[in-house]
PDB file of N, CA and C in Angstrom:
ATOM      1  N   MET A   1      46.806  80.370  91.776  1.00  0.00           N
ATOM      2  CA  MET A   1      47.306  80.870  93.048  1.00  0.00           C
ATOM      3  C   MET A   1      46.315  80.528  94.148  1.00  0.00           C
ATOM      4  N   LEU A   2      46.656  80.951  95.303  1.00  0.00           N
ATOM      5  CA  LEU A   2      45.840  80.713  96.482  1.00  0.00           C
ATOM      6  C   LEU A   2      45.027  81.956  96.774  1.00  0.00           C
ATOM      7  N   LEU A   3      43.752  81.777  96.970  1.00  0.00           N
ATOM      8  CA  LEU A   3      42.905  82.900  97.329  1.00  0.00           C
ATOM      9  C   LEU A   3      42.731  82.901  98.840  1.00  0.00           C
ATOM     10  N   LEU A   4      43.055  84.017  99.464  1.00  0.00           N
ATOM     11  CA  LEU A   4      42.978  84.115 100.917  1.00  0.00           C
ATOM     12  C   LEU A   4      41.950  85.134 101.354  1.00  0.00           C
ATOM     13  N   GLU A   5      41.283  84.837 102.430  1.00  0.00           N
ATOM     14  CA  GLU A   5      40.490  85.849 103.097  1.00  0.00           C
ATOM     15  C   GLU A   5      41.458  86.638 103.965  1.00  0.00           C
ATOM     16  N   VAL A   6      41.148  87.885 104.257  1.00  0.00           N
ATOM     17  CA  VAL A   6      42.053  88.729 105.032  1.00  0.00           C
ATOM     18  C   VAL A   6      42.368  88.089 106.380  1.00  0.00           C
ATOM     19  N   ASN A   7      41.384  87.557 107.063  1.00  0.00           N
ATOM     20  CA  ASN A   7      41.594  86.939 108.360  1.00  0.00           C
ATOM     21  C   ASN A   7      42.571  85.764 108.256  1.00  0.00           C
ATOM     22  N   GLU A   8      42.415  84.946 107.244  1.00  0.00           N
ATOM     23  CA  GLU A   8      43.300  83.799 107.067  1.00  0.00           C
ATOM     24  C   GLU A   8      44.706  84.257 106.699  1.00  0.00           C
ATOM     25  N   ALA A   9      44.820  85.266 105.869  1.00  0.00           N
ATOM     26  CA  ALA A   9      46.139  85.785 105.494  1.00  0.00           C
ATOM     27  C   ALA A   9      46.856  86.334 106.719  1.00  0.00           C
ATOM     28  N   THR A  10      46.125  87.035 107.571  1.00  0.00           N
ATOM     29  CA  THR A  10      46.721  87.598 108.782  1.00  0.00           C
ATOM     30  C   THR A  10      47.223  86.496 109.698  1.00  0.00           C
ATOM     31  N   HIS A  11      46.435  85.471 109.888  1.00  0.00           N
ATOM     32  CA  HIS A  11      46.853  84.342 110.729  1.00  0.00           C
ATOM     33  C   HIS A  11      48.088  83.668 110.127  1.00  0.00           C
ATOM     34  N   PHE A  12      48.079  83.455 108.815  1.00  0.00           N
ATOM     35  CA  PHE A  12      49.197  82.799 108.145  1.00  0.00           C
ATOM     36  C   PHE A  12      50.480  83.607 108.319  1.00  0.00           C
ATOM     37  N   MET A  13      50.408  84.928 108.085  1.00  0.00           N
ATOM     38  CA  MET A  13      51.596  85.776 108.163  1.00  0.00           C
ATOM     39  C   MET A  13      52.132  85.858 109.591  1.00  0.00           C
ATOM     40  N   ALA A  14      51.248  85.722 110.579  1.00  0.00           N
ATOM     41  CA  ALA A  14      51.675  85.777 111.975  1.00  0.00           C
ATOM     42  C   ALA A  14      52.095  84.403 112.499  1.00  0.00           C
ATOM     43  N   GLY A  15      51.944  83.374 111.667  1.00  0.00           N
ATOM     44  CA  GLY A  15      52.310  82.030 112.093  1.00  0.00           C
ATOM     45  C   GLY A  15      51.347  81.452 113.116  1.00  0.00           C
ATOM     46  N   LEU A  16      50.096  81.919 113.078  1.00  0.00           N
ATOM     47  CA  LEU A  16      49.096  81.463 114.032  1.00  0.00           C
ATOM     48  C   LEU A  16      48.190  80.416 113.397  1.00  0.00           C
ATOM     49  N   PRO A  17      47.642  79.523 114.194  1.00  0.00           N
ATOM     50  CA  PRO A  17      46.685  78.556 113.638  1.00  0.00           C
ATOM     51  C   PRO A  17      45.385  79.263 113.275  1.00  0.00           C
ATOM     52  N   LEU A  18      44.697  78.720 112.309  1.00  0.00           N
ATOM     53  CA  LEU A  18      43.406  79.287 111.930  1.00  0.00           C
ATOM     54  C   LEU A  18      42.386  78.992 113.031  1.00  0.00           C
ATOM     55  N   PRO A  19      41.445  79.905 113.225  1.00  0.00           N
ATOM     56  CA  PRO A  19      40.453  79.694 114.269  1.00  0.00           C
ATOM     57  C   PRO A  19      39.435  78.610 113.918  1.00  0.00           C
ATOM     58  N   GLY A  20      39.388  78.201 112.692  1.00  0.00           N
ATOM     59  CA  GLY A  20      38.447  77.161 112.274  1.00  0.00           C
ATOM     60  C   GLY A  20      38.855  76.601 110.934  1.00  0.00           C
ATOM     61  N   PRO A  21      38.035  75.724 110.373  1.00  0.00           N
ATOM     62  CA  PRO A  21      38.353  75.148 109.057  1.00  0.00           C
ATOM     63  C   PRO A  21      38.448  76.222 107.981  1.00  0.00           C
ATOM     64  N   SER A  22      39.338  76.017 107.055  1.00  0.00           N
ATOM     65  CA  SER A  22      39.535  76.969 105.973  1.00  0.00           C
ATOM     66  C   SER A  22      38.699  76.578 104.760  1.00  0.00           C
ATOM     67  N   ALA A  23      38.200  77.583 104.073  1.00  0.00           N
ATOM     68  CA  ALA A  23      37.456  77.361 102.834  1.00  0.00           C
ATOM     69  C   ALA A  23      38.353  77.549 101.621  1.00  0.00           C
ATOM     70  N   ILE A  24      39.646  77.745 101.845  1.00  0.00           N
ATOM     71  CA  ILE A  24      40.597  77.989 100.761  1.00  0.00           C
ATOM     72  C   ILE A  24      40.792  76.728  99.920  1.00  0.00           C
ATOM     73  N   ARG A  25      40.877  76.932  98.626  1.00  0.00           N
ATOM     74  CA  ARG A  25      41.140  75.835  97.694  1.00  0.00           C
ATOM     75  C   ARG A  25      42.360  76.195  96.871  1.00  0.00           C
ATOM     76  N   TRP A  26      43.287  75.266  96.734  1.00  0.00           N
ATOM     77  CA  TRP A  26      44.490  75.489  95.940  1.00  0.00           C
ATOM     78  C   TRP A  26      44.164  75.332  94.467  1.00  0.00           C
ATOM     79  N   THR A  27      44.674  76.271  93.648  1.00  0.00           N
ATOM     80  CA  THR A  27      44.527  76.139  92.198  1.00  0.00           C
ATOM     81  C   THR A  27      45.860  75.780  91.551  1.00  0.00           C
ATOM     82  N   LYS A  28      46.919  75.821  92.357  1.00  0.00           N
ATOM     83  CA  LYS A  28      48.248  75.377  91.939  1.00  0.00           C
ATOM     84  C   LYS A  28      48.818  74.563  93.079  1.00  0.00           C
ATOM     85  N   SER A  29      49.929  73.903  92.830  1.00  0.00           N
ATOM     86  CA  SER A  29      50.525  73.102  93.899  1.00  0.00           C
ATOM     87  C   SER A  29      51.051  74.006  95.010  1.00  0.00           C
ATOM     88  N   GLU A  30      51.160  73.450  96.191  1.00  0.00           N
ATOM     89  CA  GLU A  30      51.674  74.215  97.326  1.00  0.00           C
ATOM     90  C   GLU A  30      53.089  74.716  97.049  1.00  0.00           C
ATOM     91  N   ASP A  31      53.909  73.900  96.409  1.00  0.00           N
ATOM     92  CA  ASP A  31      55.277  74.327  96.077  1.00  0.00           C
ATOM     93  C   ASP A  31      55.278  75.526  95.130  1.00  0.00           C
ATOM     94  N   ASP A  32      54.385  75.527  94.143  1.00  0.00           N
ATOM     95  CA  ASP A  32      54.291  76.653  93.217  1.00  0.00           C
ATOM     96  C   ASP A  32      53.892  77.936  93.949  1.00  0.00           C
ATOM     97  N   VAL A  33      52.944  77.811  94.856  1.00  0.00           N
ATOM     98  CA  VAL A  33      52.483  78.980  95.605  1.00  0.00           C
ATOM     99  C   VAL A  33      53.582  79.488  96.529  1.00  0.00           C
ATOM    100  N   ARG A  34      54.255  78.584  97.233  1.00  0.00           N
ATOM    101  CA  ARG A  34      55.350  78.990  98.119  1.00  0.00           C
ATOM    102  C   ARG A  34      56.464  79.680  97.329  1.00  0.00           C
ATOM    103  N   SER A  35      56.770  79.153  96.168  1.00  0.00           N
ATOM    104  CA  SER A  35      57.804  79.741  95.327  1.00  0.00           C
ATOM    105  C   SER A  35      57.407  81.149  94.875  1.00  0.00           C
ATOM    106  N   ALA A  36      56.148  81.315  94.499  1.00  0.00           N
ATOM    107  CA  ALA A  36      55.670  82.631  94.073  1.00  0.00           C
ATOM    108  C   ALA A  36      55.737  83.632  95.227  1.00  0.00           C
ATOM    109  N   TRP A  37      55.308  83.226  96.413  1.00  0.00           N
ATOM    110  CA  TRP A  37      55.368  84.117  97.575  1.00  0.00           C
ATOM    111  C   TRP A  37      56.814  84.428  97.933  1.00  0.00           C
ATOM    112  N   ARG A  38      57.685  83.448  97.845  1.00  0.00           N
ATOM    113  CA  ARG A  38      59.106  83.671  98.138  1.00  0.00           C
ATOM    114  C   ARG A  38      59.663  84.729  97.202  1.00  0.00           C
ATOM    115  N   GLY A  39      59.273  84.671  95.933  1.00  0.00           N
ATOM    116  CA  GLY A  39      59.719  85.667  94.960  1.00  0.00           C
ATOM    117  C   GLY A  39      59.221  87.061  95.312  1.00  0.00           C
ATOM    118  N   VAL A  40      57.971  87.156  95.768  1.00  0.00           N
ATOM    119  CA  VAL A  40      57.417  88.449  96.177  1.00  0.00           C
ATOM    120  C   VAL A  40      58.196  89.000  97.371  1.00  0.00           C
ATOM    121  N   VAL A  41      58.447  88.153  98.359  1.00  0.00           N
ATOM    122  CA  VAL A  41      59.168  88.583  99.566  1.00  0.00           C
ATOM    123  C   VAL A  41      60.588  89.017  99.207  1.00  0.00           C
ATOM    124  N   GLN A  42      61.273  88.238  98.380  1.00  0.00           N
ATOM    125  CA  GLN A  42      62.647  88.579  98.009  1.00  0.00           C
ATOM    126  C   GLN A  42      62.702  89.895  97.233  1.00  0.00           C
ATOM    127  N   ALA A  43      61.759  90.092  96.328  1.00  0.00           N
ATOM    128  CA  ALA A  43      61.723  91.342  95.564  1.00  0.00           C
ATOM    129  C   ALA A  43      61.472  92.527  96.495  1.00  0.00           C
ATOM    130  N   ARG A  44      60.595  92.349  97.459  1.00  0.00           N
ATOM    131  CA  ARG A  44      60.300  93.422  98.412  1.00  0.00           C
ATOM    132  C   ARG A  44      61.524  93.721  99.280  1.00  0.00           C
ATOM    133  N   GLN A  45      62.214  92.682  99.723  1.00  0.00           N
ATOM    134  CA  GLN A  45      63.419  92.881 100.539  1.00  0.00           C
ATOM    135  C   GLN A  45      64.489  93.623  99.745  1.00  0.00           C
ATOM    136  N   GLU A  46      64.688  93.242  98.491  1.00  0.00           N
ATOM    137  CA  GLU A  46      65.662  93.919  97.649  1.00  0.00           C
ATOM    138  C   GLU A  46      65.278  95.386  97.467  1.00  0.00           C
ATOM    139  N   HIS A  47      64.010  95.634  97.256  1.00  0.00           N
ATOM    140  CA  HIS A  47      63.514  97.001  97.085  1.00  0.00           C
ATOM    141  C   HIS A  47      63.788  97.830  98.353  1.00  0.00           C
ATOM    142  N   LEU A  48      63.537  97.248  99.506  1.00  0.00           N
ATOM    143  CA  LEU A  48      63.743  97.969 100.765  1.00  0.00           C
ATOM    144  C   LEU A  48      65.232  98.210 101.028  1.00  0.00           C
ATOM    145  N   HIS A  49      66.065  97.254 100.671  1.00  0.00           N
ATOM    146  CA  HIS A  49      67.514  97.395 100.928  1.00  0.00           C
ATOM    147  C   HIS A  49      68.179  98.386  99.978  1.00  0.00           C
ATOM    148  N   THR A  50      67.650  98.514  98.769  1.00  0.00           N
ATOM    149  CA  THR A  50      68.264  99.439  97.809  1.00  0.00           C
ATOM    150  C   THR A  50      67.681 100.833  97.886  1.00  0.00           C
ATOM    151  N   GLY A  51      66.523 100.957  98.547  1.00  0.00           N
ATOM    152  CA  GLY A  51      65.882 102.266  98.664  1.00  0.00           C
ATOM    153  C   GLY A  51      65.253 102.741  97.376  1.00  0.00           C
ATOM    154  N   SER A  52      65.035 101.848  96.424  1.00  0.00           N
ATOM    155  CA  SER A  52      64.429 102.232  95.139  1.00  0.00           C
ATOM    156  C   SER A  52      62.926 102.323  95.261  1.00  0.00           C
TER     157      SER A  52
END
């Protein structure tokens, strides 16, 4: 997975550019990471919509 610093995660979630170069290193492909995050978001949305 991708390891994020809090500052970088905040910028990413807000759609903002990073203030400087990133020290992040991918341990899986970008597609794998995007797919995993998409699954987390979808599960959270389902949870919020069902009230469970």
